[in-house]
Amino acid sequence: LATALAVGIILLLRGRRSQWIAIAVGAVGAIVVAWSRLYIG
């Protein structure tokens, strides 16, 4: 879900400068969610 939302927003902003911000924020968000699933076991 976190990846889908991140990729969706990144694709929404294709061709715009803000896409790079979306890539950075989306990557961090997906990593944090992935970490949380491992953290809780």
All heavy atoms as atom14 arrays in JSON, in Angstrom:
{
  "sequence": "LATALAVGIILLLRGRRSQWIAIAVGAVGAIVVAWSRLYIG",
  "atom14_mask": [
    [1, 1, 1, 1, 1, 1, 1, 1, 0, 0, 0, 0, 0, 0],
    [1, 1, 1, 1, 1, 0, 0, 0, 0, 0, 0, 0, 0, 0],
    [1, 1, 1, 1, 1, 1, 1, 0, 0, 0, 0, 0, 0, 0],
    [1, 1, 1, 1, 1, 0, 0, 0, 0, 0, 0, 0, 0, 0],
    [1, 1, 1, 1, 1, 1, 1, 1, 0, 0, 0, 0, 0, 0],
    [1, 1, 1, 1, 1, 0, 0, 0, 0, 0, 0, 0, 0, 0],
    [1, 1, 1, 1, 1, 1, 1, 0, 0, 0, 0, 0, 0, 0],
    [1, 1, 1, 1, 0, 0, 0, 0, 0, 0, 0, 0, 0, 0],
    [1, 1, 1, 1, 1, 1, 1, 1, 0, 0, 0, 0, 0, 0],
    [1, 1, 1, 1, 1, 1, 1, 1, 0, 0, 0, 0, 0, 0],
    [1, 1, 1, 1, 1, 1, 1, 1, 0, 0, 0, 0, 0, 0],
    [1, 1, 1, 1, 1, 1, 1, 1, 0, 0, 0, 0, 0, 0],
    [1, 1, 1, 1, 1, 1, 1, 1, 0, 0, 0, 0, 0, 0],
    [1, 1, 1, 1, 1, 1, 1, 1, 1, 1, 1, 0, 0, 0],
    [1, 1, 1, 1, 0, 0, 0, 0, 0, 0, 0, 0, 0, 0],
    [1, 1, 1, 1, 1, 1, 1, 1, 1, 1, 1, 0, 0, 0],
    [1, 1, 1, 1, 1, 1, 1, 1, 1, 1, 1, 0, 0, 0],
    [1, 1, 1, 1, 1, 1, 0, 0, 0, 0, 0, 0, 0, 0],
    [1, 1, 1, 1, 1, 1, 1, 1, 1, 0, 0, 0, 0, 0],
    [1, 1, 1, 1, 1, 1, 1, 1, 1, 1, 1, 1, 1, 1],
    [1, 1, 1, 1, 1, 1, 1, 1, 0, 0, 0, 0, 0, 0],
    [1, 1, 1, 1, 1, 0, 0, 0, 0, 0, 0, 0, 0, 0],
    [1, 1, 1, 1, 1, 1, 1, 1, 0, 0, 0, 0, 0, 0],
    [1, 1, 1, 1, 1, 0, 0, 0, 0, 0, 0, 0, 0, 0],
    [1, 1, 1, 1, 1, 1, 1, 0, 0, 0, 0, 0, 0, 0],
    [1, 1, 1, 1, 0, 0, 0, 0, 0, 0, 0, 0, 0, 0],
    [1, 1, 1, 1, 1, 0, 0, 0, 0, 0, 0, 0, 0, 0],
    [1, 1, 1, 1, 1, 1, 1, 0, 0, 0, 0, 0, 0, 0],
    [1, 1, 1, 1, 0, 0, 0, 0, 0, 0, 0, 0, 0, 0],
    [1, 1, 1, 1, 1, 0, 0, 0, 0, 0, 0, 0, 0, 0],
    [1, 1, 1, 1, 1, 1, 1, 1, 0, 0, 0, 0, 0, 0],
    [1, 1, 1, 1, 1, 1, 1, 0, 0, 0, 0, 0, 0, 0],
    [1, 1, 1, 1, 1, 1, 1, 0, 0, 0, 0, 0, 0, 0],
    [1, 1, 1, 1, 1, 0, 0, 0, 0, 0, 0, 0, 0, 0],
    [1, 1, 1, 1, 1, 1, 1, 1, 1, 1, 1, 1, 1, 1],
    [1, 1, 1, 1, 1, 1, 0, 0, 0, 0, 0, 0, 0, 0],
    [1, 1, 1, 1, 1, 1, 1, 1, 1, 1, 1, 0, 0, 0],
    [1, 1, 1, 1, 1, 1, 1, 1, 0, 0, 0, 0, 0, 0],
    [1, 1, 1, 1, 1, 1, 1, 1, 1, 1, 1, 1, 0, 0],
    [1, 1, 1, 1, 1, 1, 1, 1, 0, 0, 0, 0, 0, 0],
    [1, 1, 1, 1, 0, 0, 0, 0, 0, 0, 0, 0, 0, 0]
  ],
  "atom14_positions": [
    [[0.83, -1.21, 0.0], [0.0, 0.0, 0.0], [0.86, 1.26, 0.0], [0.61, 2.2, -0.77], [-0.93, -0.01, 1.21], [-1.77, 1.26, 1.43], [-2.57, 1.6, 0.18], [-2.69, 1.08, 2.63], [0.0, 0.0, 0.0], [0.0, 0.0, 0.0], [0.0, 0.0, 0.0], [0.0, 0.0, 0.0], [0.0, 0.0, 0.0], [0.0, 0.0, 0.0]],
    [[1.87, 1.29, 0.86], [2.76, 2.46, 0.91], [3.47, 2.66, -0.42], [3.59, 3.8, -0.91], [3.78, 2.28, 2.03], [0.0, 0.0, 0.0], [0.0, 0.0, 0.0], [0.0, 0.0, 0.0], [0.0, 0.0, 0.0], [0.0, 0.0, 0.0], [0.0, 0.0, 0.0], [0.0, 0.0, 0.0], [0.0, 0.0, 0.0], [0.0, 0.0, 0.0]],
    [[3.91, 1.57, -1.03], [4.59, 1.65, -2.32], [3.63, 2.11, -3.41], [3.99, 2.95, -4.25], [5.18, 0.28, -2.7], [6.09, -0.14, -1.68], [5.92, 0.35, -4.04], [0.0, 0.0, 0.0], [0.0, 0.0, 0.0], [0.0, 0.0, 0.0], [0.0, 0.0, 0.0], [0.0, 0.0, 0.0], [0.0, 0.0, 0.0], [0.0, 0.0, 0.0]],
    [[2.41, 1.58, -3.4], [1.42, 1.95, -4.41], [1.11, 3.44, -4.36], [1.03, 4.12, -5.4], [0.15, 1.13, -4.23], [0.0, 0.0, 0.0], [0.0, 0.0, 0.0], [0.0, 0.0, 0.0], [0.0, 0.0, 0.0], [0.0, 0.0, 0.0], [0.0, 0.0, 0.0], [0.0, 0.0, 0.0], [0.0, 0.0, 0.0], [0.0, 0.0, 0.0]],
    [[0.92, 3.98, -3.16], [0.64, 5.41, -3.03], [1.83, 6.24, -3.48], [1.67, 7.25, -4.19], [0.28, 5.74, -1.59], [-1.1, 5.27, -1.12], [-1.24, 5.43, 0.39], [-2.21, 6.05, -1.85], [0.0, 0.0, 0.0], [0.0, 0.0, 0.0], [0.0, 0.0, 0.0], [0.0, 0.0, 0.0], [0.0, 0.0, 0.0], [0.0, 0.0, 0.0]],
    [[3.02, 5.81, -3.1], [4.22, 6.55, -3.47], [4.43, 6.55, -4.98], [4.64, 7.6, -5.6], [5.45, 5.96, -2.77], [0.0, 0.0, 0.0], [0.0, 0.0, 0.0], [0.0, 0.0, 0.0], [0.0, 0.0, 0.0], [0.0, 0.0, 0.0], [0.0, 0.0, 0.0], [0.0, 0.0, 0.0], [0.0, 0.0, 0.0], [0.0, 0.0, 0.0]],
    [[4.34, 5.37, -5.6], [4.54, 5.27, -7.05], [3.44, 6.02, -7.79], [3.7, 6.69, -8.79], [4.58, 3.79, -7.48], [4.59, 3.67, -9.01], [5.8, 3.11, -6.9], [0.0, 0.0, 0.0], [0.0, 0.0, 0.0], [0.0, 0.0, 0.0], [0.0, 0.0, 0.0], [0.0, 0.0, 0.0], [0.0, 0.0, 0.0], [0.0, 0.0, 0.0]],
    [[2.21, 5.94, -7.29], [1.1, 6.65, -7.93], [1.33, 8.15, -7.96], [1.12, 8.81, -8.98], [0.0, 0.0, 0.0], [0.0, 0.0, 0.0], [0.0, 0.0, 0.0], [0.0, 0.0, 0.0], [0.0, 0.0, 0.0], [0.0, 0.0, 0.0], [0.0, 0.0, 0.0], [0.0, 0.0, 0.0], [0.0, 0.0, 0.0], [0.0, 0.0, 0.0]],
    [[1.78, 8.71, -6.85], [2.02, 10.16, -6.78], [3.22, 10.54, -7.64], [3.21, 11.57, -8.31], [2.21, 10.59, -5.32], [0.89, 10.4, -4.55], [2.68, 12.04, -5.24], [1.0, 10.62, -3.06], [0.0, 0.0, 0.0], [0.0, 0.0, 0.0], [0.0, 0.0, 0.0], [0.0, 0.0, 0.0], [0.0, 0.0, 0.0], [0.0, 0.0, 0.0]],
    [[4.25, 9.69, -7.64], [5.42, 9.96, -8.48], [5.02, 10.0, -9.95], [5.42, 10.89, -10.7], [6.5, 8.88, -8.23], [7.11, 9.06, -6.84], [7.6, 8.96, -9.3], [7.96, 7.88, -6.39], [0.0, 0.0, 0.0], [0.0, 0.0, 0.0], [0.0, 0.0, 0.0], [0.0, 0.0, 0.0], [0.0, 0.0, 0.0], [0.0, 0.0, 0.0]],
    [[4.21, 9.04, -10.37], [3.76, 8.99, -11.76], [2.84, 10.15, -12.08], [2.82, 10.67, -13.2], [3.06, 7.66, -12.05], [3.98, 6.44, -12.07], [3.14, 5.16, -12.09], [4.9, 6.49, -13.27], [0.0, 0.0, 0.0], [0.0, 0.0, 0.0], [0.0, 0.0, 0.0], [0.0, 0.0, 0.0], [0.0, 0.0, 0.0], [0.0, 0.0, 0.0]],
    [[2.06, 10.57, -11.11], [1.17, 11.7, -11.29], [1.96, 12.97, -11.63], [1.49, 13.84, -12.37], [0.36, 11.93, -10.0], [-0.88, 12.8, -10.07], [-1.97, 12.11, -10.87], [-1.38, 13.07, -8.65], [0.0, 0.0, 0.0], [0.0, 0.0, 0.0], [0.0, 0.0, 0.0], [0.0, 0.0, 0.0], [0.0, 0.0, 0.0], [0.0, 0.0, 0.0]],
    [[3.16, 13.05, -11.08], [3.98, 14.25, -11.25], [5.05, 14.09, -12.33], [6.0, 14.87, -12.37], [4.65, 14.6, -9.92], [3.7, 14.91, -8.76], [4.46, 15.09, -7.47], [2.88, 16.17, -9.07], [0.0, 0.0, 0.0], [0.0, 0.0, 0.0], [0.0, 0.0, 0.0], [0.0, 0.0, 0.0], [0.0, 0.0, 0.0], [0.0, 0.0, 0.0]],
    [[4.91, 13.1, -13.19], [5.89, 12.9, -14.26], [6.06, 14.17, -15.09], [5.09, 14.81, -15.48], [5.44, 11.78, -15.2], [5.62, 10.39, -14.66], [4.97, 9.37, -15.56], [5.67, 9.22, -16.82], [5.17, 8.56, -17.87], [3.96, 8.03, -17.8], [5.87, 8.46, -18.97], [0.0, 0.0, 0.0], [0.0, 0.0, 0.0], [0.0, 0.0, 0.0]],
    [[7.33, 14.51, -15.33], [7.62, 15.69, -16.14], [7.64, 16.99, -15.36], [7.89, 18.05, -15.96], [0.0, 0.0, 0.0], [0.0, 0.0, 0.0], [0.0, 0.0, 0.0], [0.0, 0.0, 0.0], [0.0, 0.0, 0.0], [0.0, 0.0, 0.0], [0.0, 0.0, 0.0], [0.0, 0.0, 0.0], [0.0, 0.0, 0.0], [0.0, 0.0, 0.0]],
    [[7.42, 16.94, -14.06], [7.43, 18.16, -13.25], [8.59, 18.09, -12.26], [9.01, 17.02, -11.84], [6.09, 18.31, -12.52], [4.89, 18.26, -13.44], [3.58, 18.36, -12.7], [3.35, 19.7, -12.2], [2.24, 20.07, -11.55], [1.29, 19.2, -11.34], [2.09, 21.31, -11.13], [0.0, 0.0, 0.0], [0.0, 0.0, 0.0], [0.0, 0.0, 0.0]],
    [[9.09, 19.25, -11.88], [10.23, 19.3, -10.96], [9.91, 18.66, -9.62], [10.77, 18.07, -8.97], [10.66, 20.75, -10.75], [11.26, 21.41, -12.0], [11.67, 22.82, -11.7], [12.23, 23.48, -12.88], [12.65, 24.73, -12.91], [12.56, 25.49, -11.81], [13.14, 25.23, -14.02], [0.0, 0.0, 0.0], [0.0, 0.0, 0.0], [0.0, 0.0, 0.0]],
    [[8.67, 18.78, -9.19], [8.27, 18.23, -7.9], [8.3, 16.71, -7.88], [8.16, 16.1, -6.81], [6.87, 18.73, -7.53], [5.95, 18.5, -8.59], [0.0, 0.0, 0.0], [0.0, 0.0, 0.0], [0.0, 0.0, 0.0], [0.0, 0.0, 0.0], [0.0, 0.0, 0.0], [0.0, 0.0, 0.0], [0.0, 0.0, 0.0], [0.0, 0.0, 0.0]],
    [[8.48, 16.08, -9.03], [8.56, 14.62, -9.06], [9.72, 14.12, -8.22], [9.61, 13.09, -7.55], [8.71, 14.12, -10.49], [8.76, 12.6, -10.6], [8.99, 12.11, -12.02], [9.57, 12.81, -12.84], [8.54, 10.91, -12.31], [0.0, 0.0, 0.0], [0.0, 0.0, 0.0], [0.0, 0.0, 0.0], [0.0, 0.0, 0.0], [0.0, 0.0, 0.0]],
    [[10.82, 14.84, -8.22], [11.99, 14.4, -7.46], [11.74, 14.47, -5.96], [12.23, 13.64, -5.2], [13.21, 15.24, -7.85], [13.6, 14.99, -9.27], [13.39, 15.8, -10.35], [14.22, 13.8, -9.78], [13.85, 15.2, -11.5], [14.37, 13.97, -11.17], [14.66, 12.63, -9.19], [14.94, 13.01, -11.99], [15.23, 11.65, -10.0], [15.37, 11.85, -11.38]],
    [[10.95, 15.44, -5.55], [10.57, 15.51, -4.13], [9.69, 14.32, -3.79], [9.86, 13.67, -2.75], [9.83, 16.82, -3.84], [10.74, 18.02, -4.12], [9.32, 16.84, -2.4], [10.06, 19.36, -3.94], [0.0, 0.0, 0.0], [0.0, 0.0, 0.0], [0.0, 0.0, 0.0], [0.0, 0.0, 0.0], [0.0, 0.0, 0.0], [0.0, 0.0, 0.0]],
    [[8.76, 13.99, -4.69], [7.88, 12.85, -4.48], [8.67, 11.55, -4.42], [8.36, 10.67, -3.61], [6.83, 12.78, -5.59], [0.0, 0.0, 0.0], [0.0, 0.0, 0.0], [0.0, 0.0, 0.0], [0.0, 0.0, 0.0], [0.0, 0.0, 0.0], [0.0, 0.0, 0.0], [0.0, 0.0, 0.0], [0.0, 0.0, 0.0], [0.0, 0.0, 0.0]],
    [[9.7, 11.42, -5.24], [10.53, 10.22, -5.23], [11.24, 10.08, -3.88], [11.25, 8.99, -3.28], [11.56, 10.26, -6.38], [10.86, 10.09, -7.73], [12.62, 9.17, -6.2], [11.77, 10.29, -8.92], [0.0, 0.0, 0.0], [0.0, 0.0, 0.0], [0.0, 0.0, 0.0], [0.0, 0.0, 0.0], [0.0, 0.0, 0.0], [0.0, 0.0, 0.0]],
    [[11.8, 11.18, -3.4], [12.52, 11.14, -2.13], [11.58, 10.83, -0.97], [11.86, 9.94, -0.14], [13.23, 12.47, -1.89], [0.0, 0.0, 0.0], [0.0, 0.0, 0.0], [0.0, 0.0, 0.0], [0.0, 0.0, 0.0], [0.0, 0.0, 0.0], [0.0, 0.0, 0.0], [0.0, 0.0, 0.0], [0.0, 0.0, 0.0], [0.0, 0.0, 0.0]],
    [[10.45, 11.53, -0.91], [9.49, 11.32, 0.18], [8.88, 9.93, 0.09], [8.73, 9.23, 1.1], [8.39, 12.39, 0.14], [7.31, 12.09, 1.17], [8.98, 13.77, 0.39], [0.0, 0.0, 0.0], [0.0, 0.0, 0.0], [0.0, 0.0, 0.0], [0.0, 0.0, 0.0], [0.0, 0.0, 0.0], [0.0, 0.0, 0.0], [0.0, 0.0, 0.0]],
    [[8.54, 9.51, -1.13], [7.94, 8.19, -1.31], [8.89, 7.07, -0.92], [8.47, 6.08, -0.3], [0.0, 0.0, 0.0], [0.0, 0.0, 0.0], [0.0, 0.0, 0.0], [0.0, 0.0, 0.0], [0.0, 0.0, 0.0], [0.0, 0.0, 0.0], [0.0, 0.0, 0.0], [0.0, 0.0, 0.0], [0.0, 0.0, 0.0], [0.0, 0.0, 0.0]],
    [[10.16, 7.21, -1.27], [11.14, 6.18, -0.91], [11.3, 6.08, 0.6], [11.32, 4.97, 1.16], [12.48, 6.5, -1.57], [0.0, 0.0, 0.0], [0.0, 0.0, 0.0], [0.0, 0.0, 0.0], [0.0, 0.0, 0.0], [0.0, 0.0, 0.0], [0.0, 0.0, 0.0], [0.0, 0.0, 0.0], [0.0, 0.0, 0.0], [0.0, 0.0, 0.0]],
    [[11.39, 7.23, 1.25], [11.52, 7.23, 2.71], [10.28, 6.62, 3.35], [10.37, 5.8, 4.28], [11.74, 8.67, 3.24], [11.64, 8.69, 4.76], [13.1, 9.19, 2.79], [0.0, 0.0, 0.0], [0.0, 0.0, 0.0], [0.0, 0.0, 0.0], [0.0, 0.0, 0.0], [0.0, 0.0, 0.0], [0.0, 0.0, 0.0], [0.0, 0.0, 0.0]],
    [[9.1, 6.99, 2.85], [7.86, 6.46, 3.39], [7.77, 4.95, 3.26], [7.41, 4.25, 4.21], [0.0, 0.0, 0.0], [0.0, 0.0, 0.0], [0.0, 0.0, 0.0], [0.0, 0.0, 0.0], [0.0, 0.0, 0.0], [0.0, 0.0, 0.0], [0.0, 0.0, 0.0], [0.0, 0.0, 0.0], [0.0, 0.0, 0.0], [0.0, 0.0, 0.0]],
    [[8.12, 4.42, 2.08], [8.07, 2.98, 1.87], [9.06, 2.25, 2.76], [8.76, 1.18, 3.32], [8.34, 2.66, 0.4], [0.0, 0.0, 0.0], [0.0, 0.0, 0.0], [0.0, 0.0, 0.0], [0.0, 0.0, 0.0], [0.0, 0.0, 0.0], [0.0, 0.0, 0.0], [0.0, 0.0, 0.0], [0.0, 0.0, 0.0], [0.0, 0.0, 0.0]],
    [[10.24, 2.84, 2.93], [11.26, 2.22, 3.8], [10.8, 2.19, 5.25], [10.97, 1.19, 5.95], [12.6, 2.97, 3.67], [13.21, 2.72, 2.28], [13.57, 2.54, 4.76], [14.41, 3.59, 1.97], [0.0, 0.0, 0.0], [0.0, 0.0, 0.0], [0.0, 0.0, 0.0], [0.0, 0.0, 0.0], [0.0, 0.0, 0.0], [0.0, 0.0, 0.0]],
    [[10.2, 3.28, 5.7], [9.72, 3.35, 7.09], [8.62, 2.32, 7.32], [8.61, 1.63, 8.36], [9.21, 4.76, 7.42], [8.48, 4.78, 8.76], [10.37, 5.75, 7.46], [0.0, 0.0, 0.0], [0.0, 0.0, 0.0], [0.0, 0.0, 0.0], [0.0, 0.0, 0.0], [0.0, 0.0, 0.0], [0.0, 0.0, 0.0], [0.0, 0.0, 0.0]],
    [[7.7, 2.2, 6.37], [6.63, 1.22, 6.52], [7.2, -0.2, 6.51], [6.81, -1.05, 7.32], [5.57, 1.38, 5.4], [4.56, 0.23, 5.45], [4.86, 2.71, 5.55], [0.0, 0.0, 0.0], [0.0, 0.0, 0.0], [0.0, 0.0, 0.0], [0.0, 0.0, 0.0], [0.0, 0.0, 0.0], [0.0, 0.0, 0.0], [0.0, 0.0, 0.0]],
    [[8.14, -0.46, 5.6], [8.77, -1.78, 5.55], [9.48, -2.09, 6.87], [9.35, -3.2, 7.42], [9.77, -1.83, 4.39], [0.0, 0.0, 0.0], [0.0, 0.0, 0.0], [0.0, 0.0, 0.0], [0.0, 0.0, 0.0], [0.0, 0.0, 0.0], [0.0, 0.0, 0.0], [0.0, 0.0, 0.0], [0.0, 0.0, 0.0], [0.0, 0.0, 0.0]],
    [[10.2, -1.1, 7.4], [10.88, -1.28, 8.69], [9.86, -1.6, 9.78], [10.09, -2.5, 10.61], [11.63, -0.01, 9.08], [11.91, 0.08, 10.54], [12.93, -0.49, 11.22], [11.09, 0.75, 11.54], [12.82, -0.22, 12.57], [11.71, 0.54, 12.78], [9.93, 1.51, 11.47], [11.18, 1.06, 13.96], [9.4, 2.02, 12.64], [10.03, 1.8, 13.87]],
    [[8.72, -0.91, 9.79], [7.72, -1.11, 10.84], [7.17, -2.53, 10.84], [6.89, -3.1, 11.89], [6.58, -0.11, 10.69], [5.74, -0.43, 9.59], [0.0, 0.0, 0.0], [0.0, 0.0, 0.0], [0.0, 0.0, 0.0], [0.0, 0.0, 0.0], [0.0, 0.0, 0.0], [0.0, 0.0, 0.0], [0.0, 0.0, 0.0], [0.0, 0.0, 0.0]],
    [[7.04, -3.13, 9.65], [6.51, -4.49, 9.57], [7.51, -5.53, 10.08], [7.13, -6.54, 10.66], [6.1, -4.81, 8.12], [5.11, -3.85, 7.53], [3.92, -3.63, 8.43], [3.08, -4.82, 8.51], [2.17, -5.03, 9.45], [2.02, -4.16, 10.44], [1.43, -6.13, 9.43], [0.0, 0.0, 0.0], [0.0, 0.0, 0.0], [0.0, 0.0, 0.0]],
    [[8.8, -5.24, 9.86], [9.83, -6.12, 10.41], [9.98, -5.89, 11.91], [10.18, -6.84, 12.68], [11.17, -5.85, 9.71], [11.2, -6.08, 8.2], [12.58, -5.71, 7.65], [10.86, -7.51, 7.85], [0.0, 0.0, 0.0], [0.0, 0.0, 0.0], [0.0, 0.0, 0.0], [0.0, 0.0, 0.0], [0.0, 0.0, 0.0], [0.0, 0.0, 0.0]],
    [[9.87, -4.65, 12.33], [10.05, -4.28, 13.73], [9.02, -4.97, 14.62], [9.36, -5.44, 15.72], [9.93, -2.77, 13.86], [10.16, -2.23, 15.24], [11.45, -1.93, 15.7], [9.08, -1.98, 16.09], [11.65, -1.42, 16.97], [9.27, -1.46, 17.37], [10.56, -1.18, 17.8], [10.75, -0.67, 19.06], [0.0, 0.0, 0.0], [0.0, 0.0, 0.0]],
    [[7.77, -5.04, 14.17], [6.74, -5.65, 15.0], [6.74, -7.18, 14.87], [6.05, -7.87, 15.62], [5.33, -5.11, 14.71], [4.84, -5.59, 13.35], [5.3, -3.61, 14.82], [3.39, -5.24, 13.07], [0.0, 0.0, 0.0], [0.0, 0.0, 0.0], [0.0, 0.0, 0.0], [0.0, 0.0, 0.0], [0.0, 0.0, 0.0], [0.0, 0.0, 0.0]],
    [[7.51, -7.69, 13.91], [7.64, -9.14, 13.75], [6.57, -9.79, 12.89], [6.33, -11.0, 13.0], [0.0, 0.0, 0.0], [0.0, 0.0, 0.0], [0.0, 0.0, 0.0], [0.0, 0.0, 0.0], [0.0, 0.0, 0.0], [0.0, 0.0, 0.0], [0.0, 0.0, 0.0], [0.0, 0.0, 0.0], [0.0, 0.0, 0.0], [0.0, 0.0, 0.0]]
  ]
}
